[in-house]
Amino acid sequence: MSNKSTVLLEHNLKELKLPTPLKEYDRVASRCAAEGVDHPDYLLHLSELELIDRTHRMVDRRIKAACFPTVKSLDTFDFLKPPRSTKPRCWSWPAVST
């Protein structure tokens, strides 16, 4: 691909707001050329990458918008730390009659 074509392609992809094909088109084109893949399959692969990237960004945006507390996992949990409820505090709770 000529330098002029490369510049125009990058400009068009940027204007169309397609960041994944902008980053990946050269690498995917080289791989597809080596494997003898035709143009529709090349475009299919680029569009799949864009769809995957948009899905990941959508999930990240929704998680951020949900304002969840800090991310915690069992790896960071301190099992040796005593729980917040202490015995005297529990005894002060009203009894439940059945």
C-alpha atoms as a PDB file:
ATOM      1  CA  MET A   1       0.000   0.000   0.000  1.00  0.00           C
ATOM      2  CA  SER A   2       1.369   3.382  -0.934  1.00  0.00           C
ATOM      3  CA  ASN A   3       2.093   6.064   1.626  1.00  0.00           C
ATOM      4  CA  LYS A   4      -0.748   8.227   0.263  1.00  0.00           C
ATOM      5  CA  SER A   5      -3.223   5.344   0.597  1.00  0.00           C
ATOM      6  CA  THR A   6      -2.038   4.617   4.120  1.00  0.00           C
ATOM      7  CA  VAL A   7      -2.463   8.227   5.195  1.00  0.00           C
ATOM      8  CA  LEU A   8      -5.937   8.433   3.631  1.00  0.00           C
ATOM      9  CA  LEU A   9      -7.004   5.120   5.178  1.00  0.00           C
ATOM     10  CA  GLU A  10      -5.837   6.196   8.625  1.00  0.00           C
ATOM     11  CA  HIS A  11      -7.601   9.536   8.236  1.00  0.00           C
ATOM     12  CA  ASN A  12     -10.857   7.877   7.125  1.00  0.00           C
ATOM     13  CA  LEU A  13     -10.795   5.331   9.944  1.00  0.00           C
ATOM     14  CA  LYS A  14     -10.175   8.124  12.447  1.00  0.00           C
ATOM     15  CA  GLU A  15     -13.042  10.213  11.026  1.00  0.00           C
ATOM     16  CA  LEU A  16     -15.366   7.180  11.125  1.00  0.00           C
ATOM     17  CA  LYS A  17     -14.347   6.637  14.757  1.00  0.00           C
ATOM     18  CA  LEU A  18     -13.087   3.106  14.192  1.00  0.00           C
ATOM     19  CA  PRO A  19     -10.131   2.862  16.591  1.00  0.00           C
ATOM     20  CA  THR A  20      -9.599  -0.899  16.445  1.00  0.00           C
ATOM     21  CA  PRO A  21      -9.265  -1.163  12.654  1.00  0.00           C
ATOM     22  CA  LEU A  22      -7.015   1.903  12.802  1.00  0.00           C
ATOM     23  CA  LYS A  23      -4.677   0.100  15.213  1.00  0.00           C
ATOM     24  CA  GLU A  24      -4.940  -3.373  13.700  1.00  0.00           C
ATOM     25  CA  TYR A  25      -5.389  -3.031   9.919  1.00  0.00           C
ATOM     26  CA  ASP A  26      -1.693  -3.328   9.066  1.00  0.00           C
ATOM     27  CA  ARG A  27      -1.086  -6.380  11.269  1.00  0.00           C
ATOM     28  CA  VAL A  28      -4.269  -8.114  10.104  1.00  0.00           C
ATOM     29  CA  ALA A  29      -3.508  -7.292   6.463  1.00  0.00           C
ATOM     30  CA  SER A  30      -0.057  -8.842   6.741  1.00  0.00           C
ATOM     31  CA  ARG A  31      -1.430 -11.972   8.373  1.00  0.00           C
ATOM     32  CA  CYS A  32      -4.260 -12.292   5.853  1.00  0.00           C
ATOM     33  CA  ALA A  33      -1.841 -11.824   2.936  1.00  0.00           C
ATOM     34  CA  ALA A  34       0.405 -14.570   4.316  1.00  0.00           C
ATOM     35  CA  GLU A  35      -2.595 -16.904   4.718  1.00  0.00           C
ATOM     36  CA  GLY A  36      -4.087 -15.995   1.325  1.00  0.00           C
ATOM     37  CA  VAL A  37      -7.333 -14.658   2.833  1.00  0.00           C
ATOM     38  CA  ASP A  38      -9.603 -12.718   0.479  1.00  0.00           C
ATOM     39  CA  HIS A  39     -10.847  -9.150   1.027  1.00  0.00           C
ATOM     40  CA  PRO A  40     -14.282  -9.960   2.509  1.00  0.00           C
ATOM     41  CA  ASP A  41     -12.718 -12.220   5.149  1.00  0.00           C
ATOM     42  CA  TYR A  42     -10.131  -9.533   5.911  1.00  0.00           C
ATOM     43  CA  LEU A  43     -12.910  -6.979   6.459  1.00  0.00           C
ATOM     44  CA  LEU A  44     -14.872  -9.526   8.480  1.00  0.00           C
ATOM     45  CA  HIS A  45     -11.907 -10.037  10.790  1.00  0.00           C
ATOM     46  CA  LEU A  46     -11.403  -6.280  11.232  1.00  0.00           C
ATOM     47  CA  SER A  47     -15.102  -5.773  11.972  1.00  0.00           C
ATOM     48  CA  GLU A  48     -15.043  -8.618  14.530  1.00  0.00           C
ATOM     49  CA  LEU A  49     -12.110  -6.963  16.301  1.00  0.00           C
ATOM     50  CA  GLU A  50     -13.976  -3.645  16.370  1.00  0.00           C
ATOM     51  CA  LEU A  51     -17.117  -5.318  17.721  1.00  0.00           C
ATOM     52  CA  ILE A  52     -15.171  -7.073  20.489  1.00  0.00           C
ATOM     53  CA  ASP A  53     -13.411  -3.833  21.414  1.00  0.00           C
ATOM     54  CA  ARG A  54     -16.687  -1.868  21.508  1.00  0.00           C
ATOM     55  CA  THR A  55     -18.303  -4.532  23.684  1.00  0.00           C
ATOM     56  CA  HIS A  56     -15.417  -4.378  26.172  1.00  0.00           C
ATOM     57  CA  ARG A  57     -15.541  -0.586  26.266  1.00  0.00           C
ATOM     58  CA  MET A  58     -19.345  -0.651  26.739  1.00  0.00           C
ATOM     59  CA  VAL A  59     -19.026  -3.014  29.712  1.00  0.00           C
ATOM     60  CA  ASP A  60     -16.265  -0.857  31.211  1.00  0.00           C
ATOM     61  CA  ARG A  61     -18.404   2.293  30.780  1.00  0.00           C
ATOM     62  CA  ARG A  62     -21.405   0.665  32.419  1.00  0.00           C
ATOM     63  CA  ILE A  63     -19.351  -0.606  35.350  1.00  0.00           C
ATOM     64  CA  LYS A  64     -17.887   2.859  35.816  1.00  0.00           C
ATOM     65  CA  ALA A  65     -21.334   4.486  35.555  1.00  0.00           C
ATOM     66  CA  ALA A  66     -22.716   2.096  38.176  1.00  0.00           C
ATOM     67  CA  CYS A  67     -20.292   3.623  40.714  1.00  0.00           C
ATOM     68  CA  PHE A  68     -19.585   0.310  42.379  1.00  0.00           C
ATOM     69  CA  PRO A  69     -17.361   0.445  45.431  1.00  0.00           C
ATOM     70  CA  THR A  70     -13.744  -0.517  44.963  1.00  0.00           C
ATOM     71  CA  VAL A  71     -13.133  -3.782  43.182  1.00  0.00           C
ATOM     72  CA  LYS A  72     -12.468  -6.575  45.617  1.00  0.00           C
ATOM     73  CA  SER A  73     -11.524 -10.181  45.145  1.00  0.00           C
ATOM     74  CA  LEU A  74     -10.839 -13.139  47.390  1.00  0.00           C
ATOM     75  CA  ASP A  75      -7.130 -12.673  46.700  1.00  0.00           C
ATOM     76  CA  THR A  76      -7.146  -9.410  48.647  1.00  0.00           C
ATOM     77  CA  PHE A  77      -9.506 -10.539  51.422  1.00  0.00           C
ATOM     78  CA  ASP A  78      -7.927 -10.779  54.866  1.00  0.00           C
ATOM     79  CA  PHE A  79      -9.367 -13.947  56.401  1.00  0.00           C
ATOM     80  CA  LEU A  80      -7.475 -13.388  59.669  1.00  0.00           C
ATOM     81  CA  LYS A  81      -9.065  -9.998  60.338  1.00  0.00           C
ATOM     82  CA  PRO A  82     -11.962 -10.253  62.835  1.00  0.00           C
ATOM     83  CA  PRO A  83     -15.427  -9.363  61.559  1.00  0.00           C
ATOM     84  CA  ARG A  84     -16.871  -5.939  62.325  1.00  0.00           C
ATOM     85  CA  SER A  85     -19.680  -7.264  64.524  1.00  0.00           C
ATOM     86  CA  THR A  86     -18.405  -7.911  68.001  1.00  0.00           C
ATOM     87  CA  LYS A  87     -19.980 -10.226  70.550  1.00  0.00           C
ATOM     88  CA  PRO A  88     -21.289  -7.463  72.893  1.00  0.00           C
ATOM     89  CA  ARG A  89     -22.811  -5.660  69.943  1.00  0.00           C
ATOM     90  CA  CYS A  90     -24.592  -8.824  68.824  1.00  0.00           C
ATOM     91  CA  TRP A  91     -25.988  -9.419  72.322  1.00  0.00           C
ATOM     92  CA  SER A  92     -27.486  -5.953  72.333  1.00  0.00           C
ATOM     93  CA  TRP A  93     -29.664  -6.746  69.338  1.00  0.00           C
ATOM     94  CA  PRO A  94     -33.295  -7.556  70.147  1.00  0.00           C
ATOM     95  CA  ALA A  95     -34.131 -11.235  70.313  1.00  0.00           C
ATOM     96  CA  VAL A  96     -36.314 -12.709  67.632  1.00  0.00           C
ATOM     97  CA  SER A  97     -39.181 -14.765  69.038  1.00  0.00           C
ATOM     98  CA  THR A  98     -40.586 -17.646  67.062  1.00  0.00           C
END
